[in-house]
Amino acid sequence: MLAGLLLNAFPVQVEEPVEHRFFICGWASGGPAIYNETFEPVWHHDSDDEISDGWVLPDGGVVYSFSRRKQGVAGVVRLGADR
């Protein structure tokens, strides 16, 4: 809610359009995902885990950290470029 208010209060002027893919991963994201330059999903890995952070690796693979607090489990998942 606060982030939405701040974004509306301080509009951002975009000088150049996005021309690359981007990676989304984090808490309440539903799982890591890659979107193209027109903001369409290219790939998504469904997950109910609590995801903390993630990275796209140089080989095109993806790694992300997760936890399942109720079960007392946490770790890292690595998915290959072919996912």
N, C-alpha and C. Protein backbone atom coordinates (compact mmCIF):
# COMPACT_ATOMS: atom_id res chain seq x y z
N MET A 1 0.82 -1.19 0.00
CA MET A 1 0.00 0.00 0.00
C MET A 1 0.87 1.25 0.00
N LEU A 2 1.85 1.30 0.91
CA LEU A 2 2.72 2.47 0.98
C LEU A 2 3.51 2.65 -0.31
N ALA A 3 3.99 1.53 -0.89
CA ALA A 3 4.74 1.63 -2.14
C ALA A 3 3.89 2.24 -3.23
N GLY A 4 2.62 1.84 -3.32
CA GLY A 4 1.72 2.41 -4.33
C GLY A 4 1.52 3.89 -4.11
N LEU A 5 1.39 4.30 -2.86
CA LEU A 5 1.24 5.72 -2.55
C LEU A 5 2.48 6.50 -2.95
N LEU A 6 3.65 5.95 -2.64
CA LEU A 6 4.89 6.63 -2.99
C LEU A 6 5.07 6.74 -4.49
N LEU A 7 4.71 5.67 -5.21
CA LEU A 7 4.85 5.72 -6.67
C LEU A 7 3.92 6.76 -7.27
N ASN A 8 2.73 6.89 -6.73
CA ASN A 8 1.80 7.90 -7.22
C ASN A 8 2.23 9.30 -6.82
N ALA A 9 2.88 9.42 -5.68
CA ALA A 9 3.31 10.73 -5.21
C ALA A 9 4.54 11.24 -5.96
N PHE A 10 5.38 10.32 -6.43
CA PHE A 10 6.61 10.69 -7.13
C PHE A 10 6.65 10.00 -8.48
N PRO A 11 5.91 10.51 -9.46
CA PRO A 11 5.90 9.84 -10.77
C PRO A 11 7.30 9.79 -11.38
N VAL A 12 7.59 8.69 -12.04
CA VAL A 12 8.90 8.49 -12.64
C VAL A 12 8.81 8.73 -14.13
N GLN A 13 9.68 9.53 -14.63
CA GLN A 13 9.76 9.80 -16.06
C GLN A 13 10.70 8.78 -16.68
N VAL A 14 10.23 7.99 -17.61
CA VAL A 14 11.05 6.98 -18.25
C VAL A 14 11.65 7.58 -19.52
N GLU A 15 12.96 7.64 -19.54
CA GLU A 15 13.66 8.21 -20.69
C GLU A 15 13.67 7.27 -21.88
N GLU A 16 13.91 5.98 -21.60
CA GLU A 16 13.99 5.00 -22.66
C GLU A 16 13.13 3.79 -22.28
N PRO A 17 12.48 3.17 -23.26
CA PRO A 17 11.67 1.99 -22.94
C PRO A 17 12.54 0.81 -22.53
N VAL A 18 11.96 -0.09 -21.77
CA VAL A 18 12.66 -1.31 -21.39
C VAL A 18 12.86 -2.15 -22.64
N GLU A 19 14.08 -2.60 -22.85
CA GLU A 19 14.40 -3.39 -24.05
C GLU A 19 15.09 -4.69 -23.68
N HIS A 20 14.80 -5.21 -22.51
CA HIS A 20 15.44 -6.45 -22.08
C HIS A 20 14.47 -7.24 -21.20
N ARG A 21 14.76 -8.51 -21.00
CA ARG A 21 13.98 -9.34 -20.11
C ARG A 21 14.31 -8.98 -18.67
N PHE A 22 13.42 -9.31 -17.74
CA PHE A 22 13.72 -9.07 -16.34
C PHE A 22 13.18 -10.21 -15.50
N PHE A 23 13.76 -10.35 -14.32
CA PHE A 23 13.49 -11.46 -13.41
C PHE A 23 12.77 -10.94 -12.18
N ILE A 24 11.71 -11.64 -11.78
CA ILE A 24 10.97 -11.30 -10.56
C ILE A 24 11.05 -12.48 -9.61
N CYS A 25 11.34 -12.20 -8.35
CA CYS A 25 11.41 -13.26 -7.36
C CYS A 25 11.38 -12.61 -5.99
N GLY A 26 10.59 -13.16 -5.09
CA GLY A 26 10.57 -12.61 -3.75
C GLY A 26 9.31 -12.99 -3.02
N TRP A 27 9.15 -12.44 -1.84
CA TRP A 27 8.03 -12.76 -0.98
C TRP A 27 6.72 -12.46 -1.69
N ALA A 28 5.77 -13.39 -1.60
CA ALA A 28 4.43 -13.27 -2.18
C ALA A 28 4.44 -13.12 -3.70
N SER A 29 5.50 -13.57 -4.35
CA SER A 29 5.58 -13.47 -5.81
C SER A 29 4.88 -14.63 -6.50
N GLY A 30 4.61 -15.70 -5.76
CA GLY A 30 4.01 -16.88 -6.37
C GLY A 30 5.03 -17.78 -7.03
N GLY A 31 6.28 -17.37 -6.97
CA GLY A 31 7.37 -18.13 -7.56
C GLY A 31 8.18 -17.26 -8.50
N PRO A 32 9.39 -17.67 -8.81
CA PRO A 32 10.24 -16.88 -9.70
C PRO A 32 9.65 -16.84 -11.11
N ALA A 33 9.89 -15.74 -11.81
CA ALA A 33 9.37 -15.58 -13.16
C ALA A 33 10.28 -14.70 -13.98
N ILE A 34 10.27 -14.91 -15.28
CA ILE A 34 11.00 -14.06 -16.22
C ILE A 34 9.98 -13.46 -17.18
N TYR A 35 10.06 -12.15 -17.38
CA TYR A 35 9.17 -11.43 -18.28
C TYR A 35 9.99 -10.82 -19.42
N ASN A 36 9.35 -10.65 -20.56
CA ASN A 36 10.06 -10.04 -21.69
C ASN A 36 9.92 -8.52 -21.64
N GLU A 37 10.49 -7.84 -22.64
CA GLU A 37 10.51 -6.38 -22.65
C GLU A 37 9.13 -5.75 -22.78
N THR A 38 8.12 -6.52 -23.16
CA THR A 38 6.76 -5.99 -23.22
C THR A 38 5.93 -6.45 -22.02
N PHE A 39 6.62 -6.91 -20.98
CA PHE A 39 6.03 -7.30 -19.70
C PHE A 39 5.10 -8.51 -19.81
N GLU A 40 5.38 -9.38 -20.76
CA GLU A 40 4.64 -10.63 -20.89
C GLU A 40 5.47 -11.74 -20.26
N PRO A 41 4.83 -12.67 -19.52
CA PRO A 41 5.59 -13.75 -18.90
C PRO A 41 6.20 -14.68 -19.94
N VAL A 42 7.50 -14.94 -19.80
CA VAL A 42 8.22 -15.87 -20.67
C VAL A 42 8.30 -17.22 -19.96
N TRP A 43 8.48 -17.17 -18.65
CA TRP A 43 8.64 -18.37 -17.85
C TRP A 43 8.22 -18.08 -16.42
N HIS A 44 7.57 -19.05 -15.77
CA HIS A 44 7.17 -18.90 -14.38
C HIS A 44 7.24 -20.26 -13.70
N HIS A 45 7.78 -20.30 -12.50
CA HIS A 45 7.86 -21.53 -11.71
C HIS A 45 6.95 -21.35 -10.50
N ASP A 46 5.78 -21.99 -10.52
CA ASP A 46 4.84 -21.87 -9.40
C ASP A 46 5.44 -22.39 -8.11
N SER A 47 5.24 -21.64 -7.04
CA SER A 47 5.75 -22.08 -5.74
C SER A 47 4.93 -21.44 -4.63
N ASP A 48 4.52 -22.24 -3.67
CA ASP A 48 3.84 -21.73 -2.48
C ASP A 48 4.82 -21.41 -1.36
N ASP A 49 6.10 -21.68 -1.59
CA ASP A 49 7.13 -21.41 -0.59
C ASP A 49 7.27 -19.91 -0.35
N GLU A 50 7.82 -19.56 0.80
CA GLU A 50 8.18 -18.17 1.07
C GLU A 50 9.54 -17.93 0.42
N ILE A 51 9.55 -17.21 -0.66
CA ILE A 51 10.79 -16.98 -1.41
C ILE A 51 11.41 -15.67 -0.96
N SER A 52 12.71 -15.73 -0.68
CA SER A 52 13.42 -14.56 -0.17
C SER A 52 14.10 -13.77 -1.28
N ASP A 53 14.81 -14.45 -2.14
CA ASP A 53 15.62 -13.76 -3.14
C ASP A 53 15.94 -14.74 -4.25
N GLY A 54 16.37 -14.23 -5.39
CA GLY A 54 16.73 -15.11 -6.48
C GLY A 54 17.61 -14.41 -7.49
N TRP A 55 18.25 -15.21 -8.34
CA TRP A 55 19.18 -14.69 -9.33
C TRP A 55 19.10 -15.50 -10.61
N VAL A 56 19.32 -14.84 -11.72
CA VAL A 56 19.51 -15.54 -13.00
C VAL A 56 21.01 -15.73 -13.14
N LEU A 57 21.42 -16.95 -13.39
CA LEU A 57 22.84 -17.28 -13.49
C LEU A 57 23.38 -17.03 -14.91
N PRO A 58 24.69 -16.88 -15.05
CA PRO A 58 25.28 -16.64 -16.38
C PRO A 58 24.92 -17.70 -17.42
N ASP A 59 24.67 -18.94 -16.97
CA ASP A 59 24.32 -19.99 -17.93
C ASP A 59 22.83 -20.01 -18.27
N GLY A 60 22.05 -19.06 -17.73
CA GLY A 60 20.62 -18.99 -18.00
C GLY A 60 19.77 -19.70 -16.97
N GLY A 61 20.40 -20.41 -16.04
CA GLY A 61 19.66 -21.06 -14.97
C GLY A 61 19.18 -20.04 -13.95
N VAL A 62 18.39 -20.51 -13.01
CA VAL A 62 17.84 -19.65 -11.97
C VAL A 62 18.11 -20.31 -10.62
N VAL A 63 18.43 -19.52 -9.62
CA VAL A 63 18.58 -20.01 -8.26
C VAL A 63 17.79 -19.08 -7.34
N TYR A 64 17.08 -19.68 -6.36
CA TYR A 64 16.35 -18.85 -5.41
C TYR A 64 16.34 -19.51 -4.04
N SER A 65 16.23 -18.67 -3.01
CA SER A 65 16.17 -19.18 -1.64
C SER A 65 14.71 -19.20 -1.20
N PHE A 66 14.40 -20.16 -0.31
CA PHE A 66 13.02 -20.32 0.13
C PHE A 66 12.98 -20.78 1.58
N SER A 67 11.79 -20.68 2.16
CA SER A 67 11.57 -21.27 3.48
C SER A 67 10.13 -21.76 3.57
N ARG A 68 9.97 -22.73 4.43
CA ARG A 68 8.65 -23.24 4.81
C ARG A 68 8.66 -23.23 6.34
N ARG A 69 8.33 -22.09 6.90
CA ARG A 69 8.48 -21.89 8.34
C ARG A 69 7.75 -22.92 9.18
N LYS A 70 6.51 -23.24 8.81
CA LYS A 70 5.73 -24.18 9.61
C LYS A 70 6.38 -25.55 9.68
N GLN A 71 7.08 -25.93 8.60
CA GLN A 71 7.76 -27.22 8.59
C GLN A 71 9.20 -27.11 9.07
N GLY A 72 9.69 -25.91 9.31
CA GLY A 72 11.06 -25.72 9.76
C GLY A 72 12.08 -26.06 8.69
N VAL A 73 11.73 -25.79 7.43
CA VAL A 73 12.59 -26.12 6.30
C VAL A 73 12.98 -24.84 5.56
N ALA A 74 14.23 -24.77 5.12
CA ALA A 74 14.69 -23.65 4.30
C ALA A 74 15.79 -24.17 3.40
N GLY A 75 16.03 -23.48 2.31
CA GLY A 75 17.09 -23.92 1.41
C GLY A 75 17.18 -23.09 0.16
N VAL A 76 17.87 -23.65 -0.80
CA VAL A 76 18.08 -22.99 -2.09
C VAL A 76 17.68 -23.96 -3.18
N VAL A 77 17.02 -23.46 -4.21
CA VAL A 77 16.63 -24.26 -5.37
C VAL A 77 17.38 -23.74 -6.56
N ARG A 78 17.98 -24.65 -7.34
CA ARG A 78 18.64 -24.26 -8.59
C ARG A 78 17.93 -24.98 -9.72
N LEU A 79 17.48 -24.18 -10.71
CA LEU A 79 16.85 -24.72 -11.90
C LEU A 79 17.75 -24.46 -13.09
N GLY A 80 17.96 -25.45 -13.91
CA GLY A 80 18.81 -25.29 -15.09
C GLY A 80 18.18 -24.39 -16.12
N ALA A 81 18.95 -24.02 -17.11
CA ALA A 81 18.47 -23.12 -18.17
C ALA A 81 17.28 -23.71 -18.91
N ASP A 82 17.20 -25.03 -18.97
CA ASP A 82 16.07 -25.68 -19.64
C ASP A 82 14.84 -25.79 -18.75
N ARG A 83 14.99 -25.52 -17.47
CA ARG A 83 13.95 -25.55 -16.44
C ARG A 83 13.02 -26.69 -16.65
